[in-house]
Structure formats: structure tokens, C-alpha cells
Amino acid sequence: MALELKAASRSVKGQVYIQPTDLVLEKGTMNVLLGPTLAGKTSLMRLMAGLDVPSSGSIHWHGADVTGQRVQDRKVAMVYQQFINYPAMSVYDNIASPMRLMGKSKAEVDKAVRSTAEMLKLTPLLQRNPLELSGGQQQRCALARALVKGAGLVLLDEPLANLDYKLREELRAEIPRIFEESGAIFVYATTEPEEALLLGGNTATMWEGRITQFGPTPQVYRQPADAITARLFSEPPMNFVSCVKQGHQISFGADTHAPADGLLATLPDGPYRAGFRANHLHLNAHSGQSMSFACDVTATEITGSETFLHASHGDNRWVGLVHGVHALSSGQSVKLWLDPTHVYFFDPAGRLAAPAAYAVGA
């Protein structure tokens, strides 16, 4: 069983929401759509669900073309950011409502409600109304109503965005377990790279209505296909600096150099963009091969045990995530250190030319 999009696109009044997309999601997989607001995550989900019809291309389910099939005739469930529950009905009746609309018997409804409630730890709350529940419990109720009808495709559109930190962490830990028990295809939209890494499975990075890369989440994170994907799958976004490879050396401006050995030795000479994540910038050298960059502090954000350090290096604006509390002044000169084994290299077209050495084979 699989959901397949074949060159599916979506345009409204000349505005492109989804560019022609080919994508196959297999039964029993967790699939994350990762991208910023307006990247096209919800629009792509609406095509998958049948809420919108593709402007071109087709959508297939179990090998059958369902492009024109009504959403009511598909085994699809969708959960949104908002807690969409019926406030005047008990949790039991909320969960039971889809089964009753399907004309199931009382015994079938009761069995399905209780097994789904058990999966989502709602059994003690079945007789309460949604407004008597916490935010996390309300979202579990909405998820239970989506799962109870045995949908083969479950779409979760940033379902934890409106919860506080503690509740988000609680449900993030539970969703993979729920997914494994249901056996459905799960599609989970998020703007947060950390959430994608926590959920695992597969990740599709999205930018301006197109999927830039799709594959196992650790692979997309460690070996992004291009600079856009690398930037999307980093929080804060990946830092970049121009460099030139010449013979056995890579130069990052006049004063900073690194040896072009290992994979880098095979790169053709010429210009590249080097990319590195915030947590790989340091205030001290961490290895004998660390490179130093003269920077100016533009701002600091102290989070408690760590500091987000905003700095400028020429025309580049970087963010470093450094351990400890560092109350540096705006405009202060500082030397930032970077281990070259954590640097990605992209060609002038933005394609990955060489992954970071630490990511090879990961």
C-alpha cells in the first residue's frame, strides 16, 4: 500500500502553490514535511487528502488513480494546529462520531473507541467534555478521532504548534509510538528541524512549493543535496562563507586556510560556498586543525547554559551556538573557531560538492 504523487501540482489564479511533485510514501512510514511558513506543506497535504484537486499530474492510492475522488470516499484523516473537538460532546462521543457517520454498529463503535482511547491514554477521560481537558489531552482527543476510523493516511499539520513546551515534548515522544501501533502512513508537517529529527522516519524538505530532498531523516540532515536543504534543516539556519579551492588548499579569504585532503582533494579547483551549523562555531580552538575567523559581535542571546552569538564576518552574518554564558558587547571583536571536518562545500549552483567529513558514512 502506497500513496504516490505523479507530477502533481497546484496553482490558483496564476499563483503556484505546489510545483510538479513526484513522491512515493509507503505503508507504515512516518514522513515529515519540513519547511518554513508558506513553503507549501499544507497545500501538499490538501492534495494528498483530496481536499484540493491537482492542477496537473495525478495522485494514486493502492495503485489506483484517485485524483478526482472525493475526500469523503478516501480513508484519510487530518489533524490541524487547532483543537478541533465538539465542545458539547464527551470525549467518547467525539471519538465515536466518525464511526457513527460511517454507519457502524454500536458494538463496532464501542470497540474502536475504547481501543483507540487506550492507545492514546484517554480511557480515564472518556466521559469528560473537551473543555475539561488540558491542551495536550484535547489534541490527543482530536488525534483519536482521526485514527478511530482506521485511516490508511493520517495527515498532521503542525499539530503541536499551539501547545506549550512541556506538552509538545510529551506528545512528540508519544506520536512515534502511536504511529507504530496504527500501521498507517503518517505525514507530519513542521517548521522545526529538531522536531523532524525527534520523529525520525523520512523527511521531505520544502521550499517555495517544491520538495528539495526526500529520504531517511538522518541522511537528509547529514548529507543535504544542496545549500537550500542544508539551510532548511538547520536551526538556526546554516551559516555560509565563500571559499576557493586551489591545489591542496582551500582559502576562506586572505587569512584563513584549510588543507584540501580526503574528499576535498578530489574537488576541482574553483570557487565554492562553505556551510556549517551554528553549534560547530566555538570561542576556542577545539582541535589542532581548527580555523579561526575574525568577527564582530552584533548581538548575544543567553538561553541559560548556552549563548546564541550573532556575529559578522565581512558581508556574512553568522549565528553560533556556544556553551556557557557569554555576555559579549555589540561591536566587540572576537575570534571564532571552526573545525573543517564540520564544513559542507557547495558548488556555485548550490549543489552539494562534498559533505562534511564527520557526516560521511553516517
Protein backbone atom coordinates (compact mmCIF):
# COMPACT_ATOMS: atom_id res chain seq x y z
CA MET A 1 0.00 0.00 0.00
CA ALA A 2 1.42 3.38 -1.01
CA LEU A 3 0.44 6.94 -1.73
CA GLU A 4 2.03 8.21 -4.93
CA LEU A 5 2.08 11.70 -6.37
CA LYS A 6 2.95 11.82 -10.07
CA ALA A 7 3.97 15.31 -11.23
CA ALA A 8 1.17 16.70 -9.05
CA SER A 9 0.99 20.50 -8.95
CA ARG A 10 -1.37 23.15 -7.62
CA SER A 11 -1.93 26.67 -8.96
CA VAL A 12 -4.70 29.16 -8.20
CA LYS A 13 -5.27 32.21 -10.42
CA GLY A 14 -1.75 32.00 -11.76
CA GLN A 15 -0.09 31.65 -8.36
CA VAL A 16 1.87 28.44 -7.94
CA TYR A 17 1.40 26.76 -4.56
CA ILE A 18 2.90 23.36 -5.41
CA GLN A 19 5.34 22.81 -8.24
CA PRO A 20 5.17 19.47 -10.13
CA THR A 21 5.94 16.89 -7.45
CA ASP A 22 6.84 13.20 -7.63
CA LEU A 23 6.66 11.45 -4.26
CA VAL A 24 6.02 7.91 -3.00
CA LEU A 25 5.03 7.26 0.62
CA GLU A 26 4.99 3.61 1.65
CA LYS A 27 2.64 1.90 4.10
CA GLY A 28 3.72 2.09 7.73
CA THR A 29 6.10 5.02 7.31
CA MET A 30 6.50 8.27 9.21
CA ASN A 31 7.07 11.13 6.78
CA VAL A 32 7.91 14.68 7.87
CA LEU A 33 7.33 17.76 5.70
CA LEU A 34 9.90 20.28 6.90
CA GLY A 35 9.94 23.88 5.76
CA PRO A 36 9.19 27.47 6.76
CA THR A 37 5.74 29.04 6.76
CA LEU A 38 4.38 29.33 3.17
CA ALA A 39 6.76 26.62 1.89
CA GLY A 40 3.72 24.63 0.68
CA LYS A 41 3.37 21.99 3.41
CA THR A 42 -0.38 22.46 3.97
CA SER A 43 -1.06 22.79 0.24
CA LEU A 44 0.71 19.48 -0.40
CA MET A 45 -1.26 17.81 2.39
CA ARG A 46 -4.53 19.08 0.94
CA LEU A 47 -3.63 17.44 -2.37
CA MET A 48 -2.83 14.18 -0.57
CA ALA A 49 -6.14 14.29 1.29
CA GLY A 50 -8.25 15.14 -1.73
CA LEU A 51 -9.38 18.47 -0.30
CA ASP A 52 -7.85 20.10 -3.40
CA VAL A 53 -7.53 18.73 -6.93
CA PRO A 54 -4.14 18.96 -8.65
CA SER A 55 -3.88 21.50 -11.46
CA SER A 56 -1.77 18.91 -13.28
CA GLY A 57 -0.49 15.43 -12.58
CA SER A 58 -2.22 12.71 -10.59
CA ILE A 59 -2.48 11.04 -7.17
CA HIS A 60 -2.57 7.27 -6.71
CA TRP A 61 -3.58 5.11 -3.76
CA HIS A 62 -3.00 1.34 -3.78
CA GLY A 63 -2.03 1.81 -7.43
CA ALA A 64 -5.42 3.27 -8.34
CA ASP A 65 -5.82 6.82 -9.63
CA VAL A 66 -7.83 8.74 -7.00
CA THR A 67 -7.18 12.22 -8.39
CA GLY A 68 -10.86 13.07 -8.78
CA GLN A 69 -12.15 11.04 -5.84
CA ARG A 70 -13.99 12.92 -3.08
CA VAL A 71 -12.26 13.23 0.27
CA GLN A 72 -15.28 11.54 1.89
CA ASP A 73 -14.57 8.42 -0.15
CA ARG A 74 -10.94 8.16 0.90
CA LYS A 75 -9.55 6.61 4.07
CA VAL A 76 -7.83 9.82 5.11
CA ALA A 77 -7.68 11.64 8.45
CA MET A 78 -6.27 15.10 9.13
CA VAL A 79 -5.35 16.85 12.39
CA TYR A 80 -4.66 20.59 12.49
CA GLN A 81 -2.91 23.01 14.87
CA GLN A 82 -6.22 23.96 16.47
CA PHE A 83 -8.02 21.66 18.88
CA ILE A 84 -10.99 20.78 16.69
CA ASN A 85 -13.34 18.91 19.02
CA TYR A 86 -17.09 19.13 19.60
CA PRO A 87 -17.32 21.03 22.93
CA ALA A 88 -20.83 19.84 23.85
CA MET A 89 -19.95 16.16 23.38
CA SER A 90 -17.99 13.89 25.68
CA VAL A 91 -14.56 12.61 24.70
CA TYR A 92 -16.18 9.24 24.00
CA ASP A 93 -18.73 10.78 21.63
CA ASN A 94 -16.08 12.93 19.95
CA ILE A 95 -14.03 9.85 19.15
CA ALA A 96 -17.10 7.86 18.14
CA SER A 97 -18.51 10.49 15.75
CA PRO A 98 -16.63 9.37 12.57
CA MET A 99 -17.62 5.73 13.13
CA ARG A 100 -21.27 6.69 13.60
CA LEU A 101 -21.21 8.72 10.37
CA MET A 102 -19.88 5.60 8.64
CA GLY A 103 -22.95 3.67 9.87
CA LYS A 104 -21.05 1.26 12.10
CA SER A 105 -22.89 -0.77 14.71
CA LYS A 106 -22.92 0.21 18.37
CA ALA A 107 -20.64 -2.71 19.23
CA GLU A 108 -18.15 -1.82 16.50
CA VAL A 109 -18.11 1.82 17.61
CA ASP A 110 -17.57 0.93 21.25
CA LYS A 111 -14.73 -1.47 20.48
CA ALA A 112 -12.97 1.03 18.21
CA VAL A 113 -13.39 3.95 20.62
CA ARG A 114 -12.03 2.05 23.60
CA SER A 115 -9.05 0.57 21.76
CA THR A 116 -8.12 3.97 20.28
CA ALA A 117 -8.59 5.69 23.64
CA GLU A 118 -6.31 3.11 25.24
CA MET A 119 -3.64 3.75 22.58
CA LEU A 120 -3.79 7.50 23.31
CA LYS A 121 -4.09 7.18 27.10
CA LEU A 122 -7.58 8.72 27.13
CA THR A 123 -9.51 5.88 28.79
CA PRO A 124 -9.95 7.65 32.18
CA LEU A 125 -11.19 10.79 30.38
CA LEU A 126 -13.87 9.32 28.10
CA GLN A 127 -16.81 10.84 30.00
CA ARG A 128 -15.34 14.33 30.25
CA ASN A 129 -16.03 17.18 27.84
CA PRO A 130 -13.07 18.56 25.82
CA LEU A 131 -13.09 21.88 27.68
CA GLU A 132 -12.32 19.97 30.90
CA LEU A 133 -9.09 18.65 29.38
CA SER A 134 -5.59 20.08 29.17
CA GLY A 135 -4.28 21.25 25.80
CA GLY A 136 -2.34 18.04 25.28
CA GLN A 137 -5.36 15.92 26.16
CA GLN A 138 -7.55 17.91 23.77
CA GLN A 139 -5.07 17.34 20.95
CA ARG A 140 -4.95 13.61 21.80
CA CYS A 141 -8.74 13.57 21.57
CA ALA A 142 -8.58 15.16 18.11
CA LEU A 143 -5.93 12.63 17.09
CA ALA A 144 -8.03 9.74 18.41
CA ARG A 145 -10.99 10.90 16.32
CA ALA A 146 -8.71 10.91 13.28
CA LEU A 147 -7.34 7.43 13.96
CA VAL A 148 -10.53 5.64 15.02
CA LYS A 149 -11.86 5.10 11.51
CA GLY A 150 -8.76 3.15 10.53
CA ALA A 151 -7.49 5.70 8.02
CA GLY A 152 -4.62 4.47 5.88
CA LEU A 153 -3.29 8.02 5.60
CA VAL A 154 -3.03 10.32 8.63
CA LEU A 155 -2.03 13.95 7.98
CA LEU A 156 -0.80 16.03 10.92
CA ASP A 157 -0.48 19.73 10.08
CA GLU A 158 1.78 21.22 12.77
CA PRO A 159 -0.39 19.56 15.45
CA LEU A 160 1.77 20.66 18.39
CA ALA A 161 2.36 24.27 17.38
CA ASN A 162 -0.21 25.70 19.80
CA LEU A 163 0.94 23.71 22.83
CA ASP A 164 3.39 24.88 25.47
CA TYR A 165 6.88 23.39 25.61
CA LYS A 166 6.13 20.66 28.17
CA LEU A 167 3.05 19.39 26.30
CA ARG A 168 4.89 19.46 22.98
CA GLU A 169 7.67 17.34 24.42
CA GLU A 170 5.15 14.90 25.88
CA LEU A 171 3.27 14.40 22.61
CA ARG A 172 6.41 14.33 20.47
CA ALA A 173 7.52 11.31 22.45
CA GLU A 174 4.11 9.62 22.06
CA ILE A 175 3.49 10.19 18.34
CA PRO A 176 6.11 7.67 17.10
CA ARG A 177 4.56 5.03 19.38
CA ILE A 178 1.05 5.85 18.14
CA PHE A 179 2.30 5.72 14.56
CA GLU A 180 3.87 2.29 15.04
CA GLU A 181 0.67 0.88 16.56
CA SER A 182 -1.60 2.23 13.82
CA GLY A 183 0.37 0.96 10.81
CA ALA A 184 -0.87 3.89 8.68
CA ILE A 185 1.09 6.28 6.51
CA PHE A 186 1.77 9.32 8.70
CA VAL A 187 2.61 12.72 7.21
CA TYR A 188 3.67 15.33 9.77
CA ALA A 189 4.25 18.99 8.84
CA THR A 190 6.61 21.12 10.92
CA THR A 191 8.77 24.23 10.69
CA GLU A 192 11.24 22.88 13.27
CA PRO A 193 14.30 20.81 12.25
CA GLU A 194 14.60 19.48 15.81
CA GLU A 195 11.09 18.07 15.61
CA ALA A 196 11.91 16.27 12.35
CA LEU A 197 14.98 14.71 13.95
CA LEU A 198 13.00 13.60 17.01
CA LEU A 199 10.26 11.99 14.91
CA GLY A 200 12.71 10.15 12.64
CA GLY A 201 11.35 8.22 9.67
CA ASN A 202 11.67 10.11 6.38
CA THR A 203 11.86 13.85 5.81
CA ALA A 204 10.93 15.93 2.77
CA THR A 205 12.38 19.43 2.91
CA MET A 206 10.17 22.03 1.22
CA TRP A 207 10.93 25.45 -0.21
CA GLU A 208 8.65 27.66 -2.33
CA GLY A 209 6.25 24.86 -3.21
CA ARG A 210 8.79 22.20 -4.12
CA ILE A 211 10.46 19.30 -2.37
CA THR A 212 14.21 19.89 -2.36
CA GLN A 213 15.10 16.45 -0.95
CA PHE A 214 13.34 13.36 0.39
CA GLY A 215 14.85 10.43 2.22
CA PRO A 216 15.63 8.94 5.64
CA THR A 217 15.73 11.81 8.13
CA PRO A 218 19.32 11.28 9.38
CA GLN A 219 20.56 11.09 5.78
CA VAL A 220 18.84 14.32 4.70
CA TYR A 221 20.20 16.07 7.80
CA ARG A 222 23.78 14.85 7.46
CA GLN A 223 24.07 14.85 3.66
CA PRO A 224 21.81 17.62 2.29
CA ALA A 225 21.67 17.60 -1.51
CA ASP A 226 22.02 21.36 -1.84
CA ALA A 227 22.50 24.60 0.08
CA ILE A 228 18.75 25.28 0.35
CA THR A 229 18.15 21.90 2.02
CA ALA A 230 21.13 22.43 4.33
CA ARG A 231 19.78 25.82 5.39
CA LEU A 232 16.25 24.47 5.93
CA PHE A 233 17.46 21.53 8.01
CA SER A 234 19.48 23.63 10.46
CA GLU A 235 18.27 25.67 13.43
CA PRO A 236 19.47 28.40 13.43
CA PRO A 237 19.83 28.30 9.62
CA MET A 238 23.20 27.11 8.34
CA ASN A 239 25.98 29.72 8.08
CA PHE A 240 27.80 30.25 4.79
CA VAL A 241 31.09 31.75 3.62
CA SER A 242 32.75 31.90 0.18
CA CYS A 243 35.95 29.95 -0.36
CA VAL A 244 38.30 28.90 -3.16
CA LYS A 245 39.92 25.51 -3.66
CA GLN A 246 43.37 25.68 -5.24
CA GLY A 247 45.55 22.60 -5.36
CA HIS A 248 45.95 21.17 -1.87
CA GLN A 249 44.50 24.20 -0.06
CA ILE A 250 41.13 25.85 0.48
CA SER A 251 41.19 29.57 1.25
CA PHE A 252 38.46 31.34 3.21
CA GLY A 253 39.69 34.85 2.44
CA ALA A 254 43.26 36.07 2.85
CA ASP A 255 43.87 34.92 6.41
CA THR A 256 42.09 31.56 6.86
CA HIS A 257 43.09 28.33 5.11
CA ALA A 258 42.47 24.60 5.41
CA PRO A 259 44.12 21.60 3.76
CA ALA A 260 42.21 20.08 0.83
CA ASP A 261 42.68 16.47 1.83
CA GLY A 262 40.41 13.43 1.90
CA LEU A 263 37.26 14.01 -0.17
CA LEU A 264 38.25 17.63 -0.70
CA ALA A 265 41.34 16.57 -2.65
CA THR A 266 39.07 15.29 -5.44
CA LEU A 267 37.21 18.60 -5.82
CA PRO A 268 38.01 20.55 -8.98
CA ASP A 269 39.80 23.83 -8.32
CA GLY A 270 37.49 26.82 -8.20
CA PRO A 271 35.01 28.76 -6.05
CA TYR A 272 32.66 27.14 -3.53
CA ARG A 273 30.32 28.09 -0.72
CA ALA A 274 31.22 26.55 2.62
CA GLY A 275 28.38 25.85 5.04
CA PHE A 276 28.47 24.99 8.74
CA ARG A 277 25.91 24.73 11.53
CA ALA A 278 25.70 27.10 14.50
CA ASN A 279 26.81 24.51 17.06
CA HIS A 280 30.10 24.00 15.24
CA LEU A 281 31.30 27.57 15.85
CA HIS A 282 33.37 27.96 19.03
CA LEU A 283 35.10 30.68 21.01
CA ASN A 284 38.17 28.45 21.45
CA ALA A 285 40.03 26.03 19.22
CA HIS A 286 38.61 22.51 19.70
CA SER A 287 41.24 20.68 17.67
CA GLY A 288 44.66 21.22 16.15
CA GLN A 289 43.07 21.78 12.73
CA SER A 290 40.52 24.39 13.84
CA MET A 291 40.37 27.51 11.65
CA SER A 292 39.92 30.99 13.12
CA PHE A 293 37.80 33.84 11.74
CA ALA A 294 37.99 37.47 12.86
CA CYS A 295 34.41 38.60 13.54
CA ASP A 296 32.46 41.42 15.16
CA VAL A 297 29.68 40.66 17.65
CA THR A 298 26.29 42.07 16.63
CA ALA A 299 24.13 40.56 19.42
CA THR A 300 24.02 37.81 22.04
CA GLU A 301 21.07 35.78 23.33
CA ILE A 302 21.69 33.90 26.58
CA THR A 303 19.40 30.89 26.97
CA GLY A 304 20.76 29.71 30.33
CA SER A 305 23.52 27.18 29.74
CA GLU A 306 24.16 28.30 26.14
CA THR A 307 24.56 31.53 24.20
CA PHE A 308 23.42 32.37 20.69
CA LEU A 309 26.19 34.56 19.35
CA HIS A 310 25.33 36.75 16.35
CA ALA A 311 28.42 37.94 14.50
CA SER A 312 29.52 39.48 11.23
CA HIS A 313 32.45 38.32 9.15
CA GLY A 314 32.81 40.74 6.28
CA ASP A 315 29.46 40.67 4.47
CA ASN A 316 28.47 37.39 6.11
CA ARG A 317 26.08 37.24 9.06
CA TRP A 318 26.59 34.18 11.25
CA VAL A 319 24.95 32.68 14.32
CA GLY A 320 26.93 30.49 16.68
CA LEU A 321 25.54 28.35 19.48
CA VAL A 322 28.26 28.21 22.13
CA HIS A 323 28.24 26.54 25.52
CA GLY A 324 28.16 28.70 28.62
CA VAL A 325 27.10 32.27 29.36
CA HIS A 326 28.98 34.85 27.30
CA ALA A 327 27.83 38.46 27.75
CA LEU A 328 29.75 39.94 24.82
CA SER A 329 29.10 43.53 23.79
CA SER A 330 27.74 44.56 20.42
CA GLY A 331 30.62 45.68 18.19
CA GLN A 332 33.20 43.72 20.19
CA SER A 333 35.85 41.96 18.12
CA VAL A 334 36.01 38.23 18.66
CA LYS A 335 37.78 35.25 17.13
CA LEU A 336 35.52 32.33 16.19
CA TRP A 337 36.89 28.85 15.60
CA LEU A 338 35.64 26.16 13.23
CA ASP A 339 36.82 22.58 12.72
CA PRO A 340 36.99 21.99 8.92
CA THR A 341 35.67 18.43 9.35
CA HIS A 342 32.26 20.02 10.09
CA VAL A 343 32.16 22.10 6.89
CA TYR A 344 29.99 21.29 3.84
CA PHE A 345 31.02 22.51 0.38
CA PHE A 346 28.53 23.58 -2.29
CA ASP A 347 29.29 24.43 -5.91
CA PRO A 348 28.30 27.78 -7.48
CA ALA A 349 24.90 26.31 -8.46
CA GLY A 350 24.23 25.39 -4.81
CA ARG A 351 24.61 21.61 -5.24
CA LEU A 352 26.48 19.63 -2.61
CA ALA A 353 30.07 19.12 -3.80
CA ALA A 354 31.43 17.50 -0.63
CA PRO A 355 29.69 16.64 2.64
CA ALA A 356 31.25 17.41 6.00
CA ALA A 357 33.84 14.76 6.84
CA TYR A 358 32.05 13.87 10.07
CA ALA A 359 28.86 13.07 8.10
CA VAL A 360 30.43 10.65 5.64
CA GLY A 361 29.13 7.15 6.22
CA ALA A 362 26.68 8.37 8.90
